[in-house]
Protein backbone atom coordinates (compact mmCIF):
# COMPACT_ATOMS: atom_id res chain seq x y z
CA MET A 1 -93.28 45.92 -6.80
CA LYS A 2 -96.18 46.42 -9.20
CA THR A 3 -95.63 50.02 -10.26
CA ILE A 4 -92.31 51.84 -10.69
CA GLY A 5 -92.17 55.59 -11.05
CA VAL A 6 -89.39 57.14 -13.09
CA ILE A 7 -88.06 60.69 -13.22
CA ALA A 8 -85.24 61.20 -15.69
CA ASN A 9 -82.91 63.91 -16.87
CA CYS A 10 -84.07 63.83 -20.50
CA ILE A 11 -81.31 66.20 -21.61
CA LYS A 12 -78.53 63.66 -21.06
CA PRO A 13 -77.73 61.68 -24.25
CA MET A 14 -77.67 58.34 -22.38
CA THR A 15 -81.16 58.78 -20.92
CA LEU A 16 -83.14 57.12 -23.72
CA ASP A 17 -81.06 53.94 -23.47
CA ALA A 18 -81.33 53.99 -19.67
CA VAL A 19 -85.13 54.35 -19.71
CA ALA A 20 -85.40 51.58 -22.32
CA ARG A 21 -83.34 49.26 -20.12
CA LEU A 22 -85.45 50.20 -17.12
CA ALA A 23 -88.64 49.44 -19.08
CA ALA A 24 -87.31 46.05 -20.20
CA LYS A 25 -86.31 45.04 -16.67
CA ALA A 26 -89.61 46.29 -15.25
CA GLN A 27 -91.49 44.15 -17.77
CA GLU A 28 -89.39 41.14 -16.78
CA LEU A 29 -90.32 41.73 -13.14
CA GLY A 30 -94.00 42.21 -13.99
CA ALA A 31 -94.06 45.92 -13.12
CA GLU A 32 -95.37 48.92 -15.07
CA LEU A 33 -93.62 52.27 -15.49
CA VAL A 34 -95.26 55.63 -14.84
CA SER A 35 -93.95 59.19 -14.79
CA CYS A 36 -95.18 62.71 -14.10
CA ASP A 37 -92.35 64.50 -15.94
CA ASP A 38 -91.09 64.51 -19.55
CA THR A 39 -89.89 60.89 -19.53
CA PRO A 40 -92.91 59.55 -21.55
CA ASP A 41 -91.86 61.92 -24.37
CA ILE A 42 -88.76 59.81 -25.06
CA LEU A 43 -90.28 56.34 -24.55
CA ASP A 44 -93.95 55.50 -24.99
CA LYS A 45 -93.66 52.45 -22.74
CA VAL A 46 -93.82 54.87 -19.80
CA GLU A 47 -97.36 55.88 -18.83
CA ARG A 48 -97.90 59.59 -18.25
CA VAL A 49 -99.66 60.34 -14.96
CA THR A 50 -100.19 63.37 -12.73
CA ARG A 51 -97.97 63.95 -9.73
CA GLU A 52 -100.87 63.02 -7.44
CA GLU A 53 -101.49 59.76 -9.31
CA MET A 54 -97.82 58.81 -9.20
CA HIS A 55 -97.68 59.64 -5.51
CA GLU A 56 -100.53 57.18 -4.86
CA ARG A 57 -99.58 54.34 -7.23
CA ILE A 58 -95.85 53.73 -7.14
CA ASP A 59 -93.96 51.24 -4.97
CA LEU A 60 -90.54 52.53 -6.04
CA LEU A 61 -89.28 55.73 -7.67
CA VAL A 62 -86.21 55.54 -9.91
CA ALA A 63 -84.31 58.78 -10.54
CA LEU A 64 -82.18 58.56 -13.71
CA GLY A 65 -79.64 61.35 -13.90
CA GLY A 66 -77.59 63.04 -11.20
CA ASP A 67 -78.13 64.51 -7.76
CA GLY A 68 -80.37 67.22 -9.22
CA THR A 69 -82.67 64.52 -10.60
CA VAL A 70 -82.85 62.89 -7.16
CA LEU A 71 -83.86 66.25 -5.69
CA ARG A 72 -86.63 66.52 -8.28
CA ALA A 73 -87.76 63.01 -7.40
CA VAL A 74 -87.89 63.88 -3.70
CA ARG A 75 -90.05 66.94 -4.43
CA ALA A 76 -92.35 64.90 -6.66
CA ILE A 77 -93.30 62.49 -3.86
CA SER A 78 -92.80 64.69 -0.80
CA GLY A 79 -94.67 63.24 2.15
CA SER A 80 -94.67 59.72 0.73
CA ASN A 81 -93.00 56.66 2.26
CA CYS A 82 -91.96 55.47 -1.20
CA PRO A 83 -88.22 54.67 -1.48
CA ILE A 84 -86.06 56.31 -4.15
CA LEU A 85 -83.32 54.65 -6.17
CA GLY A 86 -80.80 57.12 -7.59
CA VAL A 87 -79.16 55.85 -10.78
CA ASN A 88 -76.21 57.87 -11.98
CA ILE A 89 -75.91 58.84 -15.64
CA GLY A 90 -72.65 60.69 -16.02
CA SER A 91 -70.31 61.87 -13.27
CA LEU A 92 -70.34 60.36 -9.80
CA GLY A 93 -72.99 61.84 -7.52
CA PHE A 94 -73.47 61.73 -3.76
CA MET A 95 -77.14 60.67 -3.86
CA THR A 96 -77.10 58.53 -7.01
CA SER A 97 -75.53 55.45 -5.47
CA VAL A 98 -76.03 53.11 -8.45
CA PRO A 99 -74.04 53.51 -11.70
CA ILE A 100 -76.05 53.02 -14.87
CA GLU A 101 -74.09 49.83 -15.62
CA GLU A 102 -75.66 48.19 -12.56
CA LEU A 103 -79.27 49.26 -13.21
CA GLU A 104 -80.70 45.78 -13.85
CA ASP A 105 -78.84 44.21 -10.92
CA ALA A 106 -80.12 46.98 -8.63
CA LEU A 107 -83.73 46.40 -9.65
CA GLN A 108 -83.31 42.66 -9.11
CA CYS A 109 -81.98 43.31 -5.59
CA ILE A 110 -84.96 45.50 -4.82
CA TYR A 111 -87.38 42.90 -6.24
CA GLU A 112 -85.78 40.32 -3.95
CA GLU A 113 -85.92 42.80 -1.02
CA ASN A 114 -82.15 42.71 -0.71
CA TYR A 115 -81.55 46.33 0.23
CA SER A 116 -81.73 48.81 3.10
CA ILE A 117 -83.10 52.34 3.42
CA SER A 118 -81.10 55.44 4.29
CA ILE A 119 -83.42 57.90 6.06
CA ARG A 120 -82.49 61.48 5.13
CA SER A 121 -83.82 64.41 7.15
CA MET A 122 -85.18 67.47 5.37
CA MET A 123 -85.73 71.10 6.33
CA THR A 124 -88.58 73.54 5.91
CA CYS A 125 -87.99 77.22 5.26
CA GLN A 126 -90.49 80.03 5.84
CA VAL A 127 -90.00 83.57 4.55
CA LYS A 128 -91.78 86.37 6.43
CA ARG A 129 -92.12 90.08 5.61
CA ASP A 130 -93.81 92.37 8.12
CA GLU A 131 -95.01 89.20 9.96
CA VAL A 132 -96.78 88.04 6.78
CA MET A 133 -95.84 84.63 5.40
CA LEU A 134 -94.56 85.04 1.85
CA GLN A 135 -93.44 81.54 0.97
CA THR A 136 -92.67 78.10 2.40
CA TYR A 137 -90.12 75.69 0.95
CA GLU A 138 -88.89 72.19 1.72
CA ALA A 139 -85.32 71.11 1.04
CA LEU A 140 -83.31 67.90 1.19
CA ASN A 141 -79.98 69.64 0.56
CA ASP A 142 -79.89 73.25 1.65
CA VAL A 143 -81.35 76.72 1.83
CA ALA A 144 -79.02 79.41 0.51
CA LEU A 145 -79.35 83.18 0.93
CA GLY A 146 -77.17 85.54 -1.08
CA TRP A 147 -75.93 86.23 -4.63
CA GLY A 148 -77.46 89.64 -5.18
CA LEU A 149 -76.84 91.92 -8.15
CA SER A 150 -74.22 93.92 -6.26
CA SER A 151 -70.90 93.11 -4.57
CA ARG A 152 -71.90 95.07 -1.46
CA VAL A 153 -72.15 93.10 1.78
CA VAL A 154 -75.23 92.49 3.92
CA THR A 155 -75.75 92.08 7.67
CA LEU A 156 -77.61 88.99 8.84
CA GLY A 157 -78.72 88.46 12.42
CA VAL A 158 -78.94 84.80 13.48
CA ARG A 159 -80.82 83.29 16.42
CA VAL A 160 -81.18 79.64 17.43
CA ASN A 161 -84.33 78.85 19.40
CA TRP A 162 -84.63 82.65 19.73
CA GLU A 163 -81.28 82.85 21.52
CA GLU A 164 -78.99 85.35 19.79
CA VAL A 165 -75.95 83.87 18.06
CA THR A 166 -74.49 87.01 16.45
CA SER A 167 -74.82 89.21 13.38
CA PHE A 168 -72.71 88.46 10.32
CA VAL A 169 -71.39 90.98 7.80
CA CYS A 170 -71.06 88.78 4.75
CA ASP A 171 -72.24 87.96 1.24
CA GLY A 172 -74.84 85.47 2.48
CA LEU A 173 -75.22 82.14 4.26
CA ILE A 174 -76.07 78.49 3.66
CA LEU A 175 -78.12 76.29 5.96
CA SER A 176 -77.72 72.64 5.02
CA THR A 177 -78.92 69.24 6.09
CA PRO A 178 -76.41 66.39 6.57
CA THR A 179 -77.19 65.25 3.01
CA GLY A 180 -76.47 68.77 1.74
CA SER A 181 -73.23 69.13 3.70
CA THR A 182 -71.31 67.87 0.64
CA GLY A 183 -72.89 70.53 -1.59
CA HIS A 184 -72.70 74.32 -1.45
CA SER A 185 -71.91 74.21 2.26
CA LEU A 186 -68.71 72.26 1.59
CA SER A 187 -67.69 74.80 -1.05
CA ALA A 188 -68.12 77.53 1.58
CA GLY A 189 -65.78 75.71 3.98
CA GLY A 190 -68.39 73.74 5.92
CA PRO A 191 -67.81 70.30 7.48
CA ILE A 192 -68.97 66.98 6.06
CA LEU A 193 -71.71 65.35 8.14
CA HIS A 194 -72.74 61.73 7.86
CA PRO A 195 -76.03 61.81 5.89
CA GLU A 196 -77.95 60.17 8.75
CA ALA A 197 -76.73 62.61 11.42
CA CYS A 198 -79.28 64.74 13.31
CA ASP A 199 -77.84 68.21 12.73
CA PHE A 200 -77.87 71.27 10.51
CA VAL A 201 -74.81 73.18 9.29
CA MET A 202 -74.68 76.95 9.00
CA SER A 203 -71.91 78.21 6.69
CA ILE A 204 -71.31 81.92 6.14
CA ILE A 205 -70.43 83.04 2.61
CA CYS A 206 -67.37 85.31 2.53
CA PRO A 207 -67.64 86.61 6.13
CA HIS A 208 -65.88 89.87 6.89
CA THR A 209 -64.03 88.41 9.86
CA LEU A 210 -61.28 85.82 10.05
CA SER A 211 -62.71 84.36 13.26
CA ASN A 212 -65.85 83.00 11.62
CA ARG A 213 -66.32 79.23 11.45
CA PRO A 214 -69.18 77.00 10.26
CA LEU A 215 -71.63 76.12 13.02
CA VAL A 216 -73.22 72.69 13.59
CA ILE A 217 -76.67 72.99 15.17
CA PRO A 218 -78.99 70.20 16.41
CA ASP A 219 -81.85 69.75 13.96
CA ASN A 220 -84.46 69.98 16.71
CA CYS A 221 -83.74 73.72 16.87
CA GLU A 222 -85.42 76.54 14.97
CA ILE A 223 -83.00 78.89 13.19
CA ALA A 224 -84.07 82.48 12.52
CA VAL A 225 -82.17 84.72 10.10
CA ASP A 226 -83.07 88.42 10.08
CA VAL A 227 -81.89 90.61 7.22
CA LEU A 228 -80.68 93.59 9.28
CA SER A 229 -79.01 95.48 6.47
CA ALA A 230 -79.19 94.82 2.74
CA PRO A 231 -78.05 97.50 0.28
CA LYS A 232 -78.81 94.96 -2.45
CA GLU A 233 -81.61 92.51 -3.20
CA LEU A 234 -80.84 88.96 -2.09
CA LEU A 235 -81.98 85.67 -3.56
CA LEU A 236 -83.10 82.77 -1.38
CA SER A 237 -83.14 79.32 -2.97
CA ALA A 238 -84.12 75.88 -1.65
CA ASP A 239 -82.20 73.00 -3.21
CA GLY A 240 -81.23 75.37 -6.01
CA GLN A 241 -84.81 75.33 -7.30
CA GLY A 242 -87.53 77.26 -5.49
CA HIS A 243 -86.40 80.86 -5.03
CA ILE A 244 -87.65 84.21 -3.80
CA HIS A 245 -86.18 87.71 -3.64
CA ILE A 246 -85.33 88.81 -0.09
CA GLN A 247 -85.02 92.39 1.12
CA GLU A 248 -84.02 94.27 4.25
CA GLY A 249 -86.35 93.54 7.17
CA ASP A 250 -87.31 90.04 5.99
CA ARG A 251 -87.03 87.03 8.29
CA VAL A 252 -86.14 83.48 7.27
CA LEU A 253 -87.13 80.63 9.61
CA VAL A 254 -85.64 77.16 9.15
CA GLU A 255 -86.43 73.98 11.06
CA LYS A 256 -86.55 70.23 10.57
CA SER A 257 -89.32 69.01 8.28
CA VAL A 258 -91.83 66.37 9.32
CA ASN A 259 -91.04 64.68 6.00
CA VAL A 260 -87.97 62.60 5.21
CA ALA A 261 -86.42 61.18 2.05
CA ARG A 262 -85.91 57.42 1.83
CA LEU A 263 -82.95 56.56 -0.39
CA ILE A 264 -82.29 52.94 -1.27
CA ARG A 265 -78.90 51.53 -0.27
CA LEU A 266 -77.83 48.32 -1.98
CA PRO A 267 -75.48 45.64 -0.60
CA GLY A 268 -71.84 46.66 -0.82
CA HIS A 269 -72.57 50.39 -0.92
CA SER A 270 -70.35 52.45 1.39
CA TYR A 271 -70.80 56.17 2.02
CA PHE A 272 -67.14 56.52 2.92
CA ASP A 273 -66.08 54.75 -0.26
CA LEU A 274 -68.19 57.32 -2.11
CA LEU A 275 -66.44 60.15 -0.28
CA ARG A 276 -63.01 58.75 -1.14
CA HIS A 277 -63.89 58.57 -4.83
CA LYS A 278 -65.78 61.85 -5.09
CA LEU A 279 -63.31 63.95 -3.09
CA HIS A 280 -60.22 62.17 -4.41
CA TRP A 281 -58.97 61.24 -0.96
CA ARG A 282 -55.67 59.37 -1.03
CA GLY A 283 -53.67 57.66 1.67
CA SER A 284 -49.98 58.17 2.21
CA ASN A 285 -47.73 56.73 -0.49
CA VAL A 286 -44.79 56.57 1.89
């Protein structure tokens, strides 16, 4: 572990202290710190590099912040085999498995190779208009279509491997990976998938039928969403970041990405323990 990349949420008040602690532990382990974001602005012990340089040099990427910071880290090294350690600064996150209080212990475990890797599947999203490719996105969490400037509903036609599913009169839809099933999809009534499952979830936003239910689809399928009717302009976003305006007649194609995210899992970490804490699950008191 010669070079550690760091991507931090520099807005959080605890970030400076966290980066300083990371720098001190890295020095103890004989590693240097590099970053391609704003982290060097708050601590000069972090070397500023380009995204391409960081992609090539680092052995580990530490994301200091919340789940949004982990998503930024994944985008920064997309296509790399480099593992990512999510360190939580603030409220409990689903992808930031290490609390800030355990930062040094986590780095020591990694240095001693006492950890495992959780492989997380990702999705690619292509937007077409008149058979012309407008944009391509990659997402670890989800692709969401909706939230226009009007309250009027839209009609979306869905096909899986070019087999018709149905058309939905709704406000929009969310296509999520297993990792993203605890995000927007869950808020829309979708199921929770284990993060290492091999499926996608399609959740309809405010469907105009009581019979609608979220749909779990194998991730080796291609999902096509055609905007059949849209009296308003829609917004498509990937992981809440990349976005494009969608209009009637556009087609959105989603399939499994060739890339994956590798999140570090330390000894004693339990995904179900995380669910219990995050979702406030309680057993019977009787």
